[in-house]
Amino acid sequence: MSDREGLITRIRQVRRLAAVRDRSKTDADEPPPDRLQALEARLAHLEQQLEGLQDSVHRESERHARLIAELESRVQPGAMGAALAEDARNRGL
């Protein structure tokens, strides 16, 4: 291919890309009403899903906080000593 043909090919490619970009810009400026409604419905669904996830995470963090508090109370020296004494009595030591 000669330099001239290569240059013409590149110019055509640039023009095609520019035409595609122009078409996509005009399409993106005003989406069709049914597509917009579908996007709004999807967004509402995603918002509901996010709220459910937030609630679930909150409940799980509260459950973990209660478990940690319970474990901390078991590890207190007085509680630990009582549990060890109870275990020793149960085992007959």
N, C-alpha and C. Protein backbone atom coordinates (compact mmCIF):
# COMPACT_ATOMS: atom_id res chain seq x y z
N MET A 1 0.85 -1.17 0.00
CA MET A 1 0.00 0.00 0.00
C MET A 1 0.90 1.23 0.00
N SER A 2 0.53 2.16 -0.84
CA SER A 2 1.35 3.37 -0.93
C SER A 2 1.05 4.29 0.24
N ASP A 3 1.91 5.27 0.41
CA ASP A 3 1.71 6.24 1.49
C ASP A 3 0.39 6.98 1.34
N ARG A 4 0.05 7.29 0.09
CA ARG A 4 -1.20 8.02 -0.17
C ARG A 4 -2.41 7.19 0.25
N GLU A 5 -2.42 5.91 -0.12
CA GLU A 5 -3.53 5.02 0.24
C GLU A 5 -3.62 4.82 1.75
N GLY A 6 -2.49 4.69 2.39
CA GLY A 6 -2.46 4.56 3.85
C GLY A 6 -3.02 5.79 4.52
N LEU A 7 -2.67 6.96 4.01
CA LEU A 7 -3.17 8.21 4.57
C LEU A 7 -4.68 8.31 4.38
N ILE A 8 -5.16 7.95 3.21
CA ILE A 8 -6.61 7.99 2.94
C ILE A 8 -7.34 7.01 3.86
N THR A 9 -6.78 5.84 4.08
CA THR A 9 -7.39 4.86 4.98
C THR A 9 -7.48 5.39 6.40
N ARG A 10 -6.41 6.01 6.87
CA ARG A 10 -6.41 6.57 8.23
C ARG A 10 -7.42 7.70 8.36
N ILE A 11 -7.54 8.54 7.34
CA ILE A 11 -8.51 9.65 7.37
C ILE A 11 -9.92 9.09 7.44
N ARG A 12 -10.21 8.05 6.66
CA ARG A 12 -11.54 7.42 6.69
C ARG A 12 -11.84 6.84 8.07
N GLN A 13 -10.85 6.20 8.69
CA GLN A 13 -11.04 5.64 10.03
C GLN A 13 -11.35 6.73 11.04
N VAL A 14 -10.63 7.84 10.95
CA VAL A 14 -10.85 8.96 11.87
C VAL A 14 -12.26 9.51 11.69
N ARG A 15 -12.69 9.65 10.43
CA ARG A 15 -14.03 10.17 10.15
C ARG A 15 -15.10 9.21 10.67
N ARG A 16 -14.90 7.92 10.50
CA ARG A 16 -15.87 6.94 11.01
C ARG A 16 -15.97 7.01 12.54
N LEU A 17 -14.83 7.09 13.18
CA LEU A 17 -14.84 7.19 14.64
C LEU A 17 -15.53 8.46 15.11
N ALA A 18 -15.29 9.56 14.43
CA ALA A 18 -15.93 10.82 14.78
C ALA A 18 -17.44 10.73 14.59
N ALA A 19 -17.88 10.07 13.51
CA ALA A 19 -19.31 9.91 13.26
C ALA A 19 -19.95 9.04 14.34
N VAL A 20 -19.27 7.99 14.73
CA VAL A 20 -19.79 7.12 15.79
C VAL A 20 -19.89 7.89 17.10
N ARG A 21 -18.89 8.66 17.44
CA ARG A 21 -18.91 9.46 18.67
C ARG A 21 -20.06 10.48 18.64
N ASP A 22 -20.26 11.13 17.49
CA ASP A 22 -21.34 12.11 17.37
C ASP A 22 -22.70 11.44 17.57
N ARG A 23 -22.87 10.28 16.96
CA ARG A 23 -24.13 9.55 17.12
C ARG A 23 -24.35 9.14 18.56
N SER A 24 -23.30 8.66 19.23
CA SER A 24 -23.45 8.23 20.62
C SER A 24 -23.72 9.42 21.53
N LYS A 25 -23.17 10.58 21.22
CA LYS A 25 -23.44 11.77 22.04
C LYS A 25 -24.89 12.18 21.92
N THR A 26 -25.45 12.18 20.72
CA THR A 26 -26.85 12.56 20.55
C THR A 26 -27.77 11.53 21.17
N ASP A 27 -27.40 10.25 21.10
CA ASP A 27 -28.20 9.21 21.73
C ASP A 27 -28.15 9.32 23.25
N ALA A 28 -26.99 9.68 23.77
CA ALA A 28 -26.82 9.76 25.22
C ALA A 28 -27.49 11.00 25.80
N ASP A 29 -27.67 12.04 25.01
CA ASP A 29 -28.27 13.26 25.52
C ASP A 29 -29.72 13.06 25.94
N GLU A 30 -30.49 12.35 25.15
CA GLU A 30 -31.90 12.15 25.43
C GLU A 30 -32.27 10.68 25.28
N PRO A 31 -32.21 9.93 26.39
CA PRO A 31 -32.59 8.52 26.28
C PRO A 31 -34.10 8.41 26.05
N PRO A 32 -34.53 7.35 25.40
CA PRO A 32 -35.96 7.16 25.17
C PRO A 32 -36.70 7.05 26.50
N PRO A 33 -37.98 7.49 26.54
CA PRO A 33 -38.73 7.48 27.80
C PRO A 33 -38.84 6.09 28.43
N ASP A 34 -39.07 5.05 27.64
CA ASP A 34 -39.18 3.71 28.22
C ASP A 34 -37.87 3.25 28.83
N ARG A 35 -36.78 3.63 28.22
CA ARG A 35 -35.47 3.28 28.77
C ARG A 35 -35.22 4.05 30.07
N LEU A 36 -35.64 5.30 30.11
CA LEU A 36 -35.49 6.10 31.32
C LEU A 36 -36.31 5.50 32.46
N GLN A 37 -37.52 5.07 32.17
CA GLN A 37 -38.36 4.45 33.20
C GLN A 37 -37.74 3.15 33.69
N ALA A 38 -37.18 2.40 32.79
CA ALA A 38 -36.52 1.15 33.18
C ALA A 38 -35.33 1.44 34.09
N LEU A 39 -34.58 2.48 33.78
CA LEU A 39 -33.44 2.85 34.62
C LEU A 39 -33.90 3.32 36.00
N GLU A 40 -34.98 4.09 36.03
CA GLU A 40 -35.52 4.54 37.32
C GLU A 40 -36.00 3.36 38.16
N ALA A 41 -36.66 2.40 37.53
CA ALA A 41 -37.10 1.21 38.25
C ALA A 41 -35.91 0.42 38.78
N ARG A 42 -34.88 0.30 37.97
CA ARG A 42 -33.68 -0.43 38.40
C ARG A 42 -33.00 0.28 39.56
N LEU A 43 -32.94 1.61 39.47
CA LEU A 43 -32.33 2.39 40.55
C LEU A 43 -33.11 2.23 41.85
N ALA A 44 -34.45 2.25 41.76
CA ALA A 44 -35.27 2.05 42.96
C ALA A 44 -35.01 0.67 43.56
N HIS A 45 -34.90 -0.34 42.69
CA HIS A 45 -34.61 -1.70 43.17
C HIS A 45 -33.25 -1.76 43.85
N LEU A 46 -32.25 -1.14 43.25
CA LEU A 46 -30.91 -1.13 43.84
C LEU A 46 -30.89 -0.40 45.17
N GLU A 47 -31.66 0.69 45.29
CA GLU A 47 -31.73 1.41 46.56
C GLU A 47 -32.33 0.53 47.64
N GLN A 48 -33.37 -0.24 47.30
CA GLN A 48 -33.97 -1.16 48.26
C GLN A 48 -32.97 -2.24 48.67
N GLN A 49 -32.24 -2.75 47.72
CA GLN A 49 -31.23 -3.76 48.02
C GLN A 49 -30.15 -3.20 48.95
N LEU A 50 -29.74 -1.97 48.70
CA LEU A 50 -28.72 -1.33 49.53
C LEU A 50 -29.23 -1.13 50.96
N GLU A 51 -30.48 -0.70 51.10
CA GLU A 51 -31.04 -0.52 52.44
C GLU A 51 -31.10 -1.85 53.18
N GLY A 52 -31.48 -2.91 52.47
CA GLY A 52 -31.50 -4.24 53.09
C GLY A 52 -30.12 -4.68 53.53
N LEU A 53 -29.14 -4.40 52.70
CA LEU A 53 -27.76 -4.75 53.05
C LEU A 53 -27.28 -3.97 54.27
N GLN A 54 -27.62 -2.68 54.30
CA GLN A 54 -27.23 -1.86 55.45
C GLN A 54 -27.87 -2.39 56.73
N ASP A 55 -29.15 -2.76 56.67
CA ASP A 55 -29.83 -3.32 57.85
C ASP A 55 -29.17 -4.61 58.29
N SER A 56 -28.85 -5.45 57.32
CA SER A 56 -28.22 -6.73 57.64
C SER A 56 -26.86 -6.54 58.29
N VAL A 57 -26.07 -5.63 57.76
CA VAL A 57 -24.75 -5.35 58.33
C VAL A 57 -24.89 -4.80 59.75
N HIS A 58 -25.88 -3.93 59.96
CA HIS A 58 -26.09 -3.35 61.29
C HIS A 58 -26.47 -4.45 62.29
N ARG A 59 -27.40 -5.33 61.90
CA ARG A 59 -27.81 -6.42 62.80
C ARG A 59 -26.63 -7.34 63.12
N GLU A 60 -25.83 -7.65 62.11
CA GLU A 60 -24.68 -8.53 62.31
C GLU A 60 -23.63 -7.89 63.22
N SER A 61 -23.42 -6.59 63.06
CA SER A 61 -22.43 -5.92 63.92
C SER A 61 -22.92 -5.88 65.37
N GLU A 62 -24.23 -5.69 65.56
CA GLU A 62 -24.77 -5.72 66.93
C GLU A 62 -24.62 -7.11 67.54
N ARG A 63 -24.86 -8.15 66.74
CA ARG A 63 -24.71 -9.53 67.23
C ARG A 63 -23.27 -9.80 67.62
N HIS A 64 -22.34 -9.36 66.80
CA HIS A 64 -20.91 -9.54 67.11
C HIS A 64 -20.53 -8.75 68.37
N ALA A 65 -21.07 -7.56 68.53
CA ALA A 65 -20.77 -6.77 69.73
C ALA A 65 -21.25 -7.49 70.98
N ARG A 66 -22.45 -8.10 70.90
CA ARG A 66 -22.96 -8.85 72.07
C ARG A 66 -22.08 -10.06 72.36
N LEU A 67 -21.65 -10.77 71.32
CA LEU A 67 -20.78 -11.94 71.54
C LEU A 67 -19.45 -11.53 72.15
N ILE A 68 -18.90 -10.45 71.68
CA ILE A 68 -17.62 -9.97 72.22
C ILE A 68 -17.78 -9.57 73.68
N ALA A 69 -18.88 -8.88 74.00
CA ALA A 69 -19.12 -8.48 75.39
C ALA A 69 -19.27 -9.71 76.28
N GLU A 70 -19.96 -10.74 75.77
CA GLU A 70 -20.12 -11.97 76.55
C GLU A 70 -18.78 -12.65 76.77
N LEU A 71 -17.96 -12.72 75.75
CA LEU A 71 -16.63 -13.33 75.89
C LEU A 71 -15.75 -12.54 76.85
N GLU A 72 -15.83 -11.22 76.78
CA GLU A 72 -15.05 -10.40 77.71
C GLU A 72 -15.48 -10.63 79.14
N SER A 73 -16.78 -10.81 79.36
CA SER A 73 -17.25 -11.06 80.74
C SER A 73 -16.77 -12.42 81.23
N ARG A 74 -16.65 -13.40 80.34
CA ARG A 74 -16.15 -14.71 80.74
C ARG A 74 -14.66 -14.69 81.06
N VAL A 75 -13.93 -13.76 80.47
CA VAL A 75 -12.48 -13.71 80.64
C VAL A 75 -12.09 -12.89 81.87
N GLN A 76 -13.04 -12.22 82.50
CA GLN A 76 -12.75 -11.46 83.71
C GLN A 76 -12.14 -12.41 84.76
N PRO A 77 -11.18 -11.95 85.53
CA PRO A 77 -10.49 -12.84 86.48
C PRO A 77 -11.45 -13.58 87.43
N GLY A 78 -12.45 -12.89 87.95
CA GLY A 78 -13.37 -13.56 88.88
C GLY A 78 -14.19 -14.63 88.17
N ALA A 79 -14.69 -14.30 86.99
CA ALA A 79 -15.49 -15.26 86.23
C ALA A 79 -14.62 -16.42 85.77
N MET A 80 -13.39 -16.15 85.39
CA MET A 80 -12.48 -17.20 84.94
C MET A 80 -12.16 -18.14 86.10
N GLY A 81 -11.90 -17.57 87.26
CA GLY A 81 -11.60 -18.41 88.43
C GLY A 81 -12.79 -19.28 88.81
N ALA A 82 -13.99 -18.72 88.77
CA ALA A 82 -15.18 -19.50 89.10
C ALA A 82 -15.39 -20.62 88.09
N ALA A 83 -15.18 -20.34 86.81
CA ALA A 83 -15.35 -21.36 85.77
C ALA A 83 -14.32 -22.46 85.93
N LEU A 84 -13.07 -22.10 86.28
CA LEU A 84 -12.03 -23.13 86.48
C LEU A 84 -12.34 -23.98 87.71
N ALA A 85 -12.82 -23.35 88.76
CA ALA A 85 -13.18 -24.11 89.97
C ALA A 85 -14.34 -25.06 89.67
N GLU A 86 -15.34 -24.59 88.95
CA GLU A 86 -16.48 -25.43 88.57
C GLU A 86 -16.01 -26.62 87.73
N ASP A 87 -15.13 -26.37 86.79
CA ASP A 87 -14.60 -27.43 85.94
C ASP A 87 -13.82 -28.45 86.77
N ALA A 88 -13.03 -27.96 87.71
CA ALA A 88 -12.24 -28.88 88.57
C ALA A 88 -13.16 -29.74 89.40
N ARG A 89 -14.24 -29.15 89.94
CA ARG A 89 -15.20 -29.95 90.74
C ARG A 89 -15.88 -31.00 89.86
N ASN A 90 -16.25 -30.62 88.63
CA ASN A 90 -16.93 -31.56 87.74
C ASN A 90 -16.02 -32.72 87.34
N ARG A 91 -14.76 -32.48 87.23
CA ARG A 91 -13.82 -33.52 86.84
C ARG A 91 -13.30 -34.31 88.03
N GLY A 92 -13.59 -33.85 89.21
CA GLY A 92 -13.16 -34.55 90.40
C GLY A 92 -11.69 -34.34 90.74
N LEU A 93 -11.18 -33.16 90.40
CA LEU A 93 -9.76 -32.90 90.68
C LEU A 93 -9.56 -32.30 92.02
